[in-house]
C-alpha atoms as a PDB file:
ATOM      1  CA  UNK A   1      16.748  22.247   5.294  1.00  0.00           C
ATOM      2  CA  UNK A   2      15.684  25.834   4.460  1.00  0.00           C
ATOM      3  CA  UNK A   3      12.467  27.461   5.996  1.00  0.00           C
ATOM      4  CA  UNK A   4      12.741  30.563   3.956  1.00  0.00           C
ATOM      5  CA  UNK A   5      11.936  29.478   0.257  1.00  0.00           C
ATOM      6  CA  UNK A   6      14.609  30.846  -2.445  1.00  0.00           C
ATOM      7  CA  UNK A   7      12.991  33.519  -4.531  1.00  0.00           C
ATOM      8  CA  UNK A   8      11.345  36.071  -1.750  1.00  0.00           C
ATOM      9  CA  UNK A   9      10.170  39.379  -2.592  1.00  0.00           C
ATOM     10  CA  UNK A  10      10.832  42.336  -0.616  1.00  0.00           C
ATOM     11  CA  UNK A  11       7.176  43.373  -0.398  1.00  0.00           C
ATOM     12  CA  UNK A  12       5.739  46.980  -1.238  1.00  0.00           C
ATOM     13  CA  UNK A  13       3.031  48.114   1.145  1.00  0.00           C
ATOM     14  CA  UNK A  14       0.576  49.365  -1.312  1.00  0.00           C
ATOM     15  CA  UNK A  15      -1.168  52.495   0.164  1.00  0.00           C
ATOM     16  CA  UNK A  16      -4.178  54.728  -0.732  1.00  0.00           C
ATOM     17  CA  UNK A  17      -3.937  57.872  -2.178  1.00  0.00           C
ATOM     18  CA  UNK A  18      -4.194  59.145   1.689  1.00  0.00           C
ATOM     19  CA  UNK A  19      -1.171  57.007   2.555  1.00  0.00           C
ATOM     20  CA  UNK A  20      -3.532  54.565   4.551  1.00  0.00           C
ATOM     21  CA  UNK A  21      -2.758  50.985   4.063  1.00  0.00           C
ATOM     22  CA  UNK A  22      -4.650  49.606   1.392  1.00  0.00           C
ATOM     23  CA  UNK A  23      -5.477  46.329   2.242  1.00  0.00           C
ATOM     24  CA  UNK A  24      -7.317  44.979  -0.712  1.00  0.00           C
ATOM     25  CA  UNK A  25      -4.084  45.188  -3.035  1.00  0.00           C
ATOM     26  CA  UNK A  26      -1.817  43.906  -0.198  1.00  0.00           C
ATOM     27  CA  UNK A  27      -4.145  40.722  -0.429  1.00  0.00           C
ATOM     28  CA  UNK A  28      -4.234  41.130  -4.618  1.00  0.00           C
ATOM     29  CA  UNK A  29      -0.063  41.516  -4.995  1.00  0.00           C
ATOM     30  CA  UNK A  30       0.781  38.811  -2.207  1.00  0.00           C
ATOM     31  CA  UNK A  31      -1.527  36.439  -4.462  1.00  0.00           C
ATOM     32  CA  UNK A  32      -0.032  37.903  -7.561  1.00  0.00           C
ATOM     33  CA  UNK A  33       3.413  37.668  -6.784  1.00  0.00           C
ATOM     34  CA  UNK A  34       2.993  34.292  -5.428  1.00  0.00           C
ATOM     35  CA  UNK A  35       1.480  32.665  -8.072  1.00  0.00           C
ATOM     36  CA  UNK A  36       4.165  33.972 -10.508  1.00  0.00           C
ATOM     37  CA  UNK A  37       6.572  32.100  -8.557  1.00  0.00           C
ATOM     38  CA  UNK A  38       8.000  33.697  -5.233  1.00  0.00           C
ATOM     39  CA  UNK A  39       8.022  31.286  -2.574  1.00  0.00           C
ATOM     40  CA  UNK A  40       8.857  33.584   0.349  1.00  0.00           C
ATOM     41  CA  UNK A  41       7.658  37.026   1.454  1.00  0.00           C
ATOM     42  CA  UNK A  42       9.248  39.148   3.302  1.00  0.00           C
ATOM     43  CA  UNK A  43       6.742  42.310   4.884  1.00  0.00           C
ATOM     44  CA  UNK A  44       7.797  44.735   6.776  1.00  0.00           C
ATOM     45  CA  UNK A  45      11.219  45.123   5.194  1.00  0.00           C
ATOM     46  CA  UNK A  46      12.854  48.377   3.688  1.00  0.00           C
ATOM     47  CA  UNK A  47      10.587  48.624   0.437  1.00  0.00           C
ATOM     48  CA  UNK A  48       7.757  47.768   2.800  1.00  0.00           C
ATOM     49  CA  UNK A  49       8.350  50.999   4.307  1.00  0.00           C
ATOM     50  CA  UNK A  50       9.274  49.601   7.679  1.00  0.00           C
ATOM     51  CA  UNK A  51      10.119  52.616   9.128  1.00  0.00           C
ATOM     52  CA  UNK A  52       6.973  54.618   8.694  1.00  0.00           C
ATOM     53  CA  UNK A  53       4.496  51.585   9.263  1.00  0.00           C
ATOM     54  CA  UNK A  54       2.501  51.438  13.041  1.00  0.00           C
ATOM     55  CA  UNK A  55       3.430  48.419  14.906  1.00  0.00           C
ATOM     56  CA  UNK A  56      -0.422  47.251  14.464  1.00  0.00           C
ATOM     57  CA  UNK A  57       0.468  47.458  10.797  1.00  0.00           C
ATOM     58  CA  UNK A  58       3.184  45.338  11.176  1.00  0.00           C
ATOM     59  CA  UNK A  59       1.371  42.730  12.582  1.00  0.00           C
ATOM     60  CA  UNK A  60      -1.242  42.721  10.467  1.00  0.00           C
ATOM     61  CA  UNK A  61       0.367  42.487   7.516  1.00  0.00           C
ATOM     62  CA  UNK A  62       2.328  39.226   8.848  1.00  0.00           C
ATOM     63  CA  UNK A  63      -1.249  37.868   9.510  1.00  0.00           C
ATOM     64  CA  UNK A  64      -2.988  38.676   5.867  1.00  0.00           C
ATOM     65  CA  UNK A  65       0.372  37.432   4.176  1.00  0.00           C
ATOM     66  CA  UNK A  66      -0.201  34.232   6.312  1.00  0.00           C
ATOM     67  CA  UNK A  67      -3.681  33.809   5.429  1.00  0.00           C
ATOM     68  CA  UNK A  68      -3.435  34.764   1.483  1.00  0.00           C
ATOM     69  CA  UNK A  69      -0.028  32.215   1.291  1.00  0.00           C
ATOM     70  CA  UNK A  70      -2.256  29.622   2.631  1.00  0.00           C
ATOM     71  CA  UNK A  71       0.893  27.517   2.765  1.00  0.00           C
ATOM     72  CA  UNK A  72       2.237  28.323  -0.943  1.00  0.00           C
ATOM     73  CA  UNK A  73       5.418  30.688   0.533  1.00  0.00           C
ATOM     74  CA  UNK A  74       6.931  31.288   3.856  1.00  0.00           C
ATOM     75  CA  UNK A  75       6.240  34.634   5.154  1.00  0.00           C
ATOM     76  CA  UNK A  76       9.225  36.231   6.999  1.00  0.00           C
ATOM     77  CA  UNK A  77       8.648  39.430   8.749  1.00  0.00           C
ATOM     78  CA  UNK A  78      11.853  42.248   8.598  1.00  0.00           C
ATOM     79  CA  UNK A  79      12.666  45.643   9.957  1.00  0.00           C
ATOM     80  CA  UNK A  80      12.624  45.213  13.446  1.00  0.00           C
ATOM     81  CA  UNK A  81      13.882  48.013  15.094  1.00  0.00           C
ATOM     82  CA  UNK A  82      16.873  49.710  15.988  1.00  0.00           C
ATOM     83  CA  UNK A  83      15.815  49.562  19.513  1.00  0.00           C
ATOM     84  CA  UNK A  84      16.739  45.906  20.784  1.00  0.00           C
ATOM     85  CA  UNK A  85      13.925  45.988  23.407  1.00  0.00           C
ATOM     86  CA  UNK A  86      11.226  47.298  21.046  1.00  0.00           C
ATOM     87  CA  UNK A  87      12.832  45.057  17.900  1.00  0.00           C
ATOM     88  CA  UNK A  88      12.107  42.092  20.701  1.00  0.00           C
ATOM     89  CA  UNK A  89       8.341  42.868  21.313  1.00  0.00           C
ATOM     90  CA  UNK A  90       8.200  43.029  17.329  1.00  0.00           C
ATOM     91  CA  UNK A  91       9.415  39.441  16.736  1.00  0.00           C
ATOM     92  CA  UNK A  92       7.568  38.063  19.188  1.00  0.00           C
ATOM     93  CA  UNK A  93       4.044  39.372  18.140  1.00  0.00           C
ATOM     94  CA  UNK A  94       5.427  38.587  14.793  1.00  0.00           C
ATOM     95  CA  UNK A  95       5.491  34.968  16.025  1.00  0.00           C
ATOM     96  CA  UNK A  96       2.008  34.994  17.546  1.00  0.00           C
ATOM     97  CA  UNK A  97       0.886  36.245  14.330  1.00  0.00           C
ATOM     98  CA  UNK A  98       2.076  33.503  12.184  1.00  0.00           C
ATOM     99  CA  UNK A  99       5.049  34.475  10.870  1.00  0.00           C
ATOM    100  CA  UNK A 100       7.316  31.389   9.455  1.00  0.00           C
ATOM    101  CA  UNK A 101      10.813  33.384   9.996  1.00  0.00           C
ATOM    102  CA  UNK A 102      12.439  36.992  10.952  1.00  0.00           C
ATOM    103  CA  UNK A 103      15.173  39.366   9.356  1.00  0.00           C
ATOM    104  CA  UNK A 104      17.539  40.951  11.865  1.00  0.00           C
ATOM    105  CA  UNK A 105      18.670  44.254  10.640  1.00  0.00           C
ATOM    106  CA  UNK A 106      21.665  46.151  11.744  1.00  0.00           C
ATOM    107  CA  UNK A 107      20.688  48.618  13.866  1.00  0.00           C
ATOM    108  CA  UNK A 108      20.356  51.902  12.333  1.00  0.00           C
ATOM    109  CA  UNK A 109      21.413  55.860  13.911  1.00  0.00           C
ATOM    110  CA  UNK A 110      22.146  54.355  16.835  1.00  0.00           C
ATOM    111  CA  UNK A 111      25.750  53.423  15.083  1.00  0.00           C
ATOM    112  CA  UNK A 112      26.622  50.329  17.542  1.00  0.00           C
ATOM    113  CA  UNK A 113      30.324  48.883  17.976  1.00  0.00           C
ATOM    114  CA  UNK A 114      30.265  44.998  16.845  1.00  0.00           C
ATOM    115  CA  UNK A 115      30.094  44.189  20.268  1.00  0.00           C
ATOM    116  CA  UNK A 116      26.527  46.019  20.752  1.00  0.00           C
ATOM    117  CA  UNK A 117      25.767  44.600  17.308  1.00  0.00           C
ATOM    118  CA  UNK A 118      26.233  41.106  18.493  1.00  0.00           C
ATOM    119  CA  UNK A 119      24.340  41.790  21.364  1.00  0.00           C
ATOM    120  CA  UNK A 120      21.222  42.756  19.604  1.00  0.00           C
ATOM    121  CA  UNK A 121      21.346  39.891  17.572  1.00  0.00           C
ATOM    122  CA  UNK A 122      21.920  36.968  20.105  1.00  0.00           C
ATOM    123  CA  UNK A 123      18.964  38.740  22.038  1.00  0.00           C
ATOM    124  CA  UNK A 124      16.920  39.181  19.389  1.00  0.00           C
ATOM    125  CA  UNK A 125      17.539  35.340  18.602  1.00  0.00           C
ATOM    126  CA  UNK A 126      16.857  34.242  22.118  1.00  0.00           C
ATOM    127  CA  UNK A 127      13.319  36.052  21.997  1.00  0.00           C
ATOM    128  CA  UNK A 128      11.767  33.703  19.424  1.00  0.00           C
ATOM    129  CA  UNK A 129      12.165  30.046  18.161  1.00  0.00           C
ATOM    130  CA  UNK A 130      12.022  31.790  14.607  1.00  0.00           C
ATOM    131  CA  UNK A 131      14.622  31.197  11.877  1.00  0.00           C
ATOM    132  CA  UNK A 132      16.408  34.318  11.456  1.00  0.00           C
ATOM    133  CA  UNK A 133      18.390  36.229   8.569  1.00  0.00           C
ATOM    134  CA  UNK A 134      20.774  38.778   9.489  1.00  0.00           C
ATOM    135  CA  UNK A 135      20.215  41.870   7.097  1.00  0.00           C
ATOM    136  CA  UNK A 136      23.854  43.012   5.978  1.00  0.00           C
ATOM    137  CA  UNK A 137      22.824  46.520   4.608  1.00  0.00           C
ATOM    138  CA  UNK A 138      25.519  49.507   5.545  1.00  0.00           C
ATOM    139  CA  UNK A 139      24.595  51.919   2.968  1.00  0.00           C
ATOM    140  CA  UNK A 140      21.045  52.393   5.160  1.00  0.00           C
ATOM    141  CA  UNK A 141      22.506  51.229   8.538  1.00  0.00           C
ATOM    142  CA  UNK A 142      25.739  52.953   8.982  1.00  0.00           C
ATOM    143  CA  UNK A 143      26.740  50.078  10.216  1.00  0.00           C
ATOM    144  CA  UNK A 144      28.240  46.651   8.576  1.00  0.00           C
ATOM    145  CA  UNK A 145      28.332  43.367   9.784  1.00  0.00           C
ATOM    146  CA  UNK A 146      31.957  42.835   9.980  1.00  0.00           C
ATOM    147  CA  UNK A 147      33.024  38.996   8.888  1.00  0.00           C
ATOM    148  CA  UNK A 148      34.205  37.932  12.673  1.00  0.00           C
ATOM    149  CA  UNK A 149      30.846  39.239  13.706  1.00  0.00           C
ATOM    150  CA  UNK A 150      28.670  36.970  11.352  1.00  0.00           C
ATOM    151  CA  UNK A 151      31.361  34.112  12.517  1.00  0.00           C
ATOM    152  CA  UNK A 152      30.285  34.457  16.191  1.00  0.00           C
ATOM    153  CA  UNK A 153      26.537  35.079  15.513  1.00  0.00           C
ATOM    154  CA  UNK A 154      26.336  31.671  12.926  1.00  0.00           C
ATOM    155  CA  UNK A 155      26.610  29.974  16.599  1.00  0.00           C
ATOM    156  CA  UNK A 156      23.425  30.746  17.682  1.00  0.00           C
ATOM    157  CA  UNK A 157      20.974  28.121  16.530  1.00  0.00           C
ATOM    158  CA  UNK A 158      18.254  30.164  15.079  1.00  0.00           C
ATOM    159  CA  UNK A 159      20.179  32.500  13.010  1.00  0.00           C
ATOM    160  CA  UNK A 160      20.801  30.512  10.232  1.00  0.00           C
ATOM    161  CA  UNK A 161      20.708  33.081   7.347  1.00  0.00           C
ATOM    162  CA  UNK A 162      22.077  36.407   5.767  1.00  0.00           C
ATOM    163  CA  UNK A 163      20.363  39.271   3.481  1.00  0.00           C
ATOM    164  CA  UNK A 164      23.801  40.204   1.887  1.00  0.00           C
ATOM    165  CA  UNK A 165      23.352  44.013   0.136  1.00  0.00           C
ATOM    166  CA  UNK A 166      26.965  44.899   0.470  1.00  0.00           C
ATOM    167  CA  UNK A 167      28.197  42.866  -2.145  1.00  0.00           C
ATOM    168  CA  UNK A 168      31.548  41.714  -0.792  1.00  0.00           C
ATOM    169  CA  UNK A 169      31.511  38.282  -2.684  1.00  0.00           C
ATOM    170  CA  UNK A 170      34.724  37.341  -1.196  1.00  0.00           C
ATOM    171  CA  UNK A 171      33.911  37.727   2.219  1.00  0.00           C
ATOM    172  CA  UNK A 172      30.581  35.297   1.673  1.00  0.00           C
ATOM    173  CA  UNK A 173      32.802  32.896   0.101  1.00  0.00           C
ATOM    174  CA  UNK A 174      34.649  32.977   3.383  1.00  0.00           C
ATOM    175  CA  UNK A 175      31.712  32.701   5.442  1.00  0.00           C
ATOM    176  CA  UNK A 176      29.744  29.679   3.361  1.00  0.00           C
ATOM    177  CA  UNK A 177      33.481  28.346   3.601  1.00  0.00           C
ATOM    178  CA  UNK A 178      33.539  28.607   7.767  1.00  0.00           C
ATOM    179  CA  UNK A 179      29.835  28.232   8.536  1.00  0.00           C
ATOM    180  CA  UNK A 180      26.621  26.559   7.914  1.00  0.00           C
ATOM    181  CA  UNK A 181      24.747  29.766   6.957  1.00  0.00           C
ATOM    182  CA  UNK A 182      22.841  30.263   3.965  1.00  0.00           C
ATOM    183  CA  UNK A 183      23.024  33.275   1.543  1.00  0.00           C
ATOM    184  CA  UNK A 184      20.306  35.574   0.156  1.00  0.00           C
ATOM    185  CA  UNK A 185      21.355  38.126  -2.269  1.00  0.00           C
ATOM    186  CA  UNK A 186      20.202  41.582  -1.182  1.00  0.00           C
ATOM    187  CA  UNK A 187      21.121  43.515  -4.367  1.00  0.00           C
ATOM    188  CA  UNK A 188      19.036  42.834  -7.677  1.00  0.00           C
ATOM    189  CA  UNK A 189      21.832  43.082 -10.180  1.00  0.00           C
ATOM    190  CA  UNK A 190      23.882  40.785  -8.022  1.00  0.00           C
ATOM    191  CA  UNK A 191      21.370  37.530  -8.000  1.00  0.00           C
ATOM    192  CA  UNK A 192      23.126  35.850 -10.528  1.00  0.00           C
ATOM    193  CA  UNK A 193      26.550  36.169  -8.965  1.00  0.00           C
ATOM    194  CA  UNK A 194      25.756  35.328  -5.322  1.00  0.00           C
ATOM    195  CA  UNK A 195      23.854  32.082  -6.618  1.00  0.00           C
ATOM    196  CA  UNK A 196      26.983  31.385  -8.571  1.00  0.00           C
ATOM    197  CA  UNK A 197      29.458  31.372  -5.598  1.00  0.00           C
ATOM    198  CA  UNK A 198      26.391  29.498  -3.623  1.00  0.00           C
ATOM    199  CA  UNK A 199      24.183  31.620  -2.511  1.00  0.00           C
ATOM    200  CA  UNK A 200      20.587  29.904  -1.249  1.00  0.00           C
ATOM    201  CA  UNK A 201      18.485  32.395  -3.158  1.00  0.00           C
ATOM    202  CA  UNK A 202      17.607  36.645  -3.417  1.00  0.00           C
ATOM    203  CA  UNK A 203      15.091  38.750  -1.252  1.00  0.00           C
ATOM    204  CA  UNK A 204      14.328  41.399  -4.353  1.00  0.00           C
ATOM    205  CA  UNK A 205      12.597  44.678  -4.811  1.00  0.00           C
ATOM    206  CA  UNK A 206      12.201  44.172  -8.941  1.00  0.00           C
ATOM    207  CA  UNK A 207      10.554  40.955  -7.615  1.00  0.00           C
ATOM    208  CA  UNK A 208       7.387  42.748  -6.846  1.00  0.00           C
ATOM    209  CA  UNK A 209       7.501  43.538 -10.510  1.00  0.00           C
ATOM    210  CA  UNK A 210       8.233  40.039 -11.928  1.00  0.00           C
ATOM    211  CA  UNK A 211       8.935  37.201 -10.094  1.00  0.00           C
ATOM    212  CA  UNK A 212       8.989  34.848 -12.218  1.00  0.00           C
ATOM    213  CA  UNK A 213      12.533  35.574 -14.478  1.00  0.00           C
ATOM    214  CA  UNK A 214      13.624  35.323 -10.541  1.00  0.00           C
ATOM    215  CA  UNK A 215      12.157  31.822 -10.506  1.00  0.00           C
ATOM    216  CA  UNK A 216      13.734  31.183 -13.609  1.00  0.00           C
ATOM    217  CA  UNK A 217      17.228  31.739 -12.806  1.00  0.00           C
ATOM    218  CA  UNK A 218      17.085  30.043  -9.078  1.00  0.00           C
ATOM    219  CA  UNK A 219      15.797  26.822 -10.965  1.00  0.00           C
ATOM    220  CA  UNK A 220      17.920  27.033 -13.443  1.00  0.00           C
ATOM    221  CA  UNK A 221      21.149  27.202 -11.360  1.00  0.00           C
ATOM    222  CA  UNK A 222      19.715  24.640  -9.127  1.00  0.00           C
ATOM    223  CA  UNK A 223      19.789  22.399 -11.914  1.00  0.00           C
ATOM    224  CA  UNK A 224      23.184  23.409 -13.242  1.00  0.00           C
ATOM    225  CA  UNK A 225      21.939  25.568 -16.554  1.00  0.00           C
ATOM    226  CA  UNK A 226      23.642  28.287 -16.488  1.00  0.00           C
ATOM    227  CA  UNK A 227      22.936  29.408 -19.844  1.00  0.00           C
ATOM    228  CA  UNK A 228      19.261  29.502 -19.095  1.00  0.00           C
ATOM    229  CA  UNK A 229      20.159  31.815 -15.561  1.00  0.00           C
ATOM    230  CA  UNK A 230      22.404  34.097 -17.522  1.00  0.00           C
ATOM    231  CA  UNK A 231      19.811  34.732 -20.160  1.00  0.00           C
ATOM    232  CA  UNK A 232      17.063  35.689 -17.648  1.00  0.00           C
ATOM    233  CA  UNK A 233      19.847  37.933 -15.827  1.00  0.00           C
ATOM    234  CA  UNK A 234      20.337  39.815 -19.008  1.00  0.00           C
ATOM    235  CA  UNK A 235      16.730  40.173 -19.816  1.00  0.00           C
ATOM    236  CA  UNK A 236      16.377  41.550 -15.884  1.00  0.00           C
ATOM    237  CA  UNK A 237      18.974  44.303 -16.399  1.00  0.00           C
ATOM    238  CA  UNK A 238      17.021  47.204 -17.793  1.00  0.00           C
ATOM    239  CA  UNK A 239      13.979  46.208 -15.505  1.00  0.00           C
ATOM    240  CA  UNK A 240      16.366  46.104 -12.052  1.00  0.00           C
ATOM    241  CA  UNK A 241      18.062  49.628 -13.292  1.00  0.00           C
ATOM    242  CA  UNK A 242      14.599  50.977 -13.774  1.00  0.00           C
ATOM    243  CA  UNK A 243      13.637  49.911 -10.330  1.00  0.00           C
ATOM    244  CA  UNK A 244      16.824  50.626  -8.283  1.00  0.00           C
ATOM    245  CA  UNK A 245      18.830  53.477 -10.121  1.00  0.00           C
ATOM    246  CA  UNK A 246      16.853  56.536 -10.165  1.00  0.00           C
ATOM    247  CA  UNK A 247      14.835  56.510  -7.289  1.00  0.00           C
ATOM    248  CA  UNK A 248      14.759  54.360  -3.999  1.00  0.00           C
ATOM    249  CA  UNK A 249      13.128  50.509  -5.011  1.00  0.00           C
ATOM    250  CA  UNK A 250      10.395  51.241  -3.213  1.00  0.00           C
ATOM    251  CA  UNK A 251       9.362  54.644  -5.179  1.00  0.00           C
ATOM    252  CA  UNK A 252       9.971  53.153  -8.327  1.00  0.00           C
ATOM    253  CA  UNK A 253       8.452  49.686  -7.627  1.00  0.00           C
ATOM    254  CA  UNK A 254       5.403  51.243  -6.490  1.00  0.00           C
ATOM    255  CA  UNK A 255       5.392  53.729 -10.008  1.00  0.00           C
ATOM    256  CA  UNK A 256       5.758  50.619 -12.598  1.00  0.00           C
ATOM    257  CA  UNK A 257       3.165  48.549 -10.517  1.00  0.00           C
ATOM    258  CA  UNK A 258       0.331  51.635 -10.775  1.00  0.00           C
ATOM    259  CA  UNK A 259       1.605  52.317 -14.298  1.00  0.00           C
ATOM    260  CA  UNK A 260       0.785  48.477 -14.943  1.00  0.00           C
ATOM    261  CA  UNK A 261      -2.803  48.903 -13.108  1.00  0.00           C
ATOM    262  CA  UNK A 262      -1.167  46.423 -10.199  1.00  0.00           C
ATOM    263  CA  UNK A 263      -1.975  48.225  -7.367  1.00  0.00           C
ATOM    264  CA  UNK A 264      -4.594  51.020  -6.877  1.00  0.00           C
ATOM    265  CA  UNK A 265      -1.913  54.212  -5.784  1.00  0.00           C
ATOM    266  CA  UNK A 266       1.796  54.786  -6.126  1.00  0.00           C
ATOM    267  CA  UNK A 267       2.019  56.716  -2.991  1.00  0.00           C
ATOM    268  CA  UNK A 268       4.577  56.292  -0.431  1.00  0.00           C
ATOM    269  CA  UNK A 269       5.055  57.873   2.831  1.00  0.00           C
ATOM    270  CA  UNK A 270       7.102  60.761   3.892  1.00  0.00           C
ATOM    271  CA  UNK A 271       9.996  61.246   3.695  1.00  0.00           C
ATOM    272  CA  UNK A 272       9.866  59.489   0.500  1.00  0.00           C
ATOM    273  CA  UNK A 273       8.522  61.288  -2.095  1.00  0.00           C
ATOM    274  CA  UNK A 274       7.317  59.959  -5.865  1.00  0.00           C
ATOM    275  CA  UNK A 275       9.584  60.554  -8.704  1.00  0.00           C
ATOM    276  CA  UNK A 276      10.482  64.092  -9.960  1.00  0.00           C
ATOM    277  CA  UNK A 277       9.617  64.462 -13.343  1.00  0.00           C
ATOM    278  CA  UNK A 278      13.224  64.122 -14.912  1.00  0.00           C
ATOM    279  CA  UNK A 279      13.403  60.522 -12.478  1.00  0.00           C
ATOM    280  CA  UNK A 280      10.151  59.567 -13.974  1.00  0.00           C
ATOM    281  CA  UNK A 281      11.487  59.993 -17.397  1.00  0.00           C
ATOM    282  CA  UNK A 282      14.316  58.024 -16.525  1.00  0.00           C
ATOM    283  CA  UNK A 283      12.785  54.963 -15.264  1.00  0.00           C
ATOM    284  CA  UNK A 284      10.372  54.974 -18.285  1.00  0.00           C
ATOM    285  CA  UNK A 285      13.070  55.416 -20.506  1.00  0.00           C
ATOM    286  CA  UNK A 286      15.236  52.084 -19.202  1.00  0.00           C
ATOM    287  CA  UNK A 287      11.481  50.298 -19.207  1.00  0.00           C
ATOM    288  CA  UNK A 288      11.316  51.352 -22.913  1.00  0.00           C
ATOM    289  CA  UNK A 289      14.527  48.552 -23.103  1.00  0.00           C
ATOM    290  CA  UNK A 290      12.619  45.756 -21.326  1.00  0.00           C
ATOM    291  CA  UNK A 291      12.124  42.755 -23.656  1.00  0.00           C
ATOM    292  CA  UNK A 292      11.702  39.467 -23.217  1.00  0.00           C
ATOM    293  CA  UNK A 293      10.461  38.707 -19.929  1.00  0.00           C
ATOM    294  CA  UNK A 294       8.480  35.798 -18.536  1.00  0.00           C
ATOM    295  CA  UNK A 295       5.233  37.400 -16.869  1.00  0.00           C
ATOM    296  CA  UNK A 296       5.668  40.738 -17.568  1.00  0.00           C
ATOM    297  CA  UNK A 297       3.680  42.626 -20.080  1.00  0.00           C
ATOM    298  CA  UNK A 298       4.654  46.467 -20.522  1.00  0.00           C
ATOM    299  CA  UNK A 299       2.248  47.173 -23.588  1.00  0.00           C
ATOM    300  CA  UNK A 300      -0.135  48.338 -21.435  1.00  0.00           C
ATOM    301  CA  UNK A 301       2.022  50.382 -18.983  1.00  0.00           C
ATOM    302  CA  UNK A 302       0.700  53.867 -18.649  1.00  0.00           C
ATOM    303  CA  UNK A 303       2.856  55.822 -15.938  1.00  0.00           C
ATOM    304  CA  UNK A 304       0.320  58.664 -13.771  1.00  0.00           C
ATOM    305  CA  UNK A 305       3.385  61.074 -12.723  1.00  0.00           C
ATOM    306  CA  UNK A 306       0.587  63.340 -11.354  1.00  0.00           C
ATOM    307  CA  UNK A 307      -0.727  60.119  -8.845  1.00  0.00           C
ATOM    308  CA  UNK A 308       3.142  59.631  -8.108  1.00  0.00           C
ATOM    309  CA  UNK A 309       3.878  63.190  -6.653  1.00  0.00           C
ATOM    310  CA  UNK A 310       4.613  63.705  -2.888  1.00  0.00           C
ATOM    311  CA  UNK A 311       4.155  61.571  -0.591  1.00  0.00           C
ATOM    312  CA  UNK A 312       1.499  60.999   2.146  1.00  0.00           C
ATOM    313  CA  UNK A 313       1.125  61.751   6.079  1.00  0.00           C
ATOM    314  CA  UNK A 314      -0.946  59.213   7.238  1.00  0.00           C
ATOM    315  CA  UNK A 315      -3.307  59.681  10.214  1.00  0.00           C
ATOM    316  CA  UNK A 316      -0.973  57.930  12.868  1.00  0.00           C
ATOM    317  CA  UNK A 317       2.360  57.863  12.942  1.00  0.00           C
ATOM    318  CA  UNK A 318       4.700  54.727  13.280  1.00  0.00           C
ATOM    319  CA  UNK A 319       7.785  53.412  14.447  1.00  0.00           C
ATOM    320  CA  UNK A 320       7.368  54.111  17.941  1.00  0.00           C
ATOM    321  CA  UNK A 321       6.189  52.069  20.726  1.00  0.00           C
END
């Protein structure tokens, strides 16, 4: 059984112009994406700017998402920590707050050996009864989860899935052949290819903007309708480029959502900053190519480069105990 859903949104964390969490926007955005077809929400992940959230903000995001979803979508807490002891505390608190699942990112900055990575995952999985997704994103952490490590981690009864942002399709196929792990595409451009070789679903950034076409793709693949899935994939291609190519996905997603009037501010927390003029122009040029996406009307897109400029320093620093 799949305890996570199939169309999972790697949720942005909407902020005010001053960089504080805008809880009204959080509630509205979660309701919007669930209503448009998402059946899973990943809060406090990379896209949610987990590295600059405080622990109380992270736990409240789980609580708010759980309340707003009201059983319509699974709530997964991501991010964790590169300190095993801190990560254990966060996942225990997330479980108490009502999370349906957890996502373990490879420890970043420390550059542990594979033995350290495996020990980290096992200790986290031992600390909670929630089903877990391993998050393999070496471009951000500096350390991949090697094939052999995935096989060993898969023996833990709480480790049920991998979010893959490496794009090594041959390795995905090998692991799917040799374990019962579910795979989730962690690369928006590769959602359909991942599904085509047996992945369960996606955890997507662009799904903040347009969840509906991902629902179409997943449902079509489930039904064996490759033509419908391919058409939705092709329609998404310029939107994925707009969101994922020119600036970090969080920055672009907030810029686009604000331009659509769906969040009150495009602000991100430092060291992230909003798009520069040339980057904003590239995002807007890509959006001009977007047509035929279910549930996305760009006719009223009004970008505000001034509102997005720079980054915020919140009143309370995050990321430490």
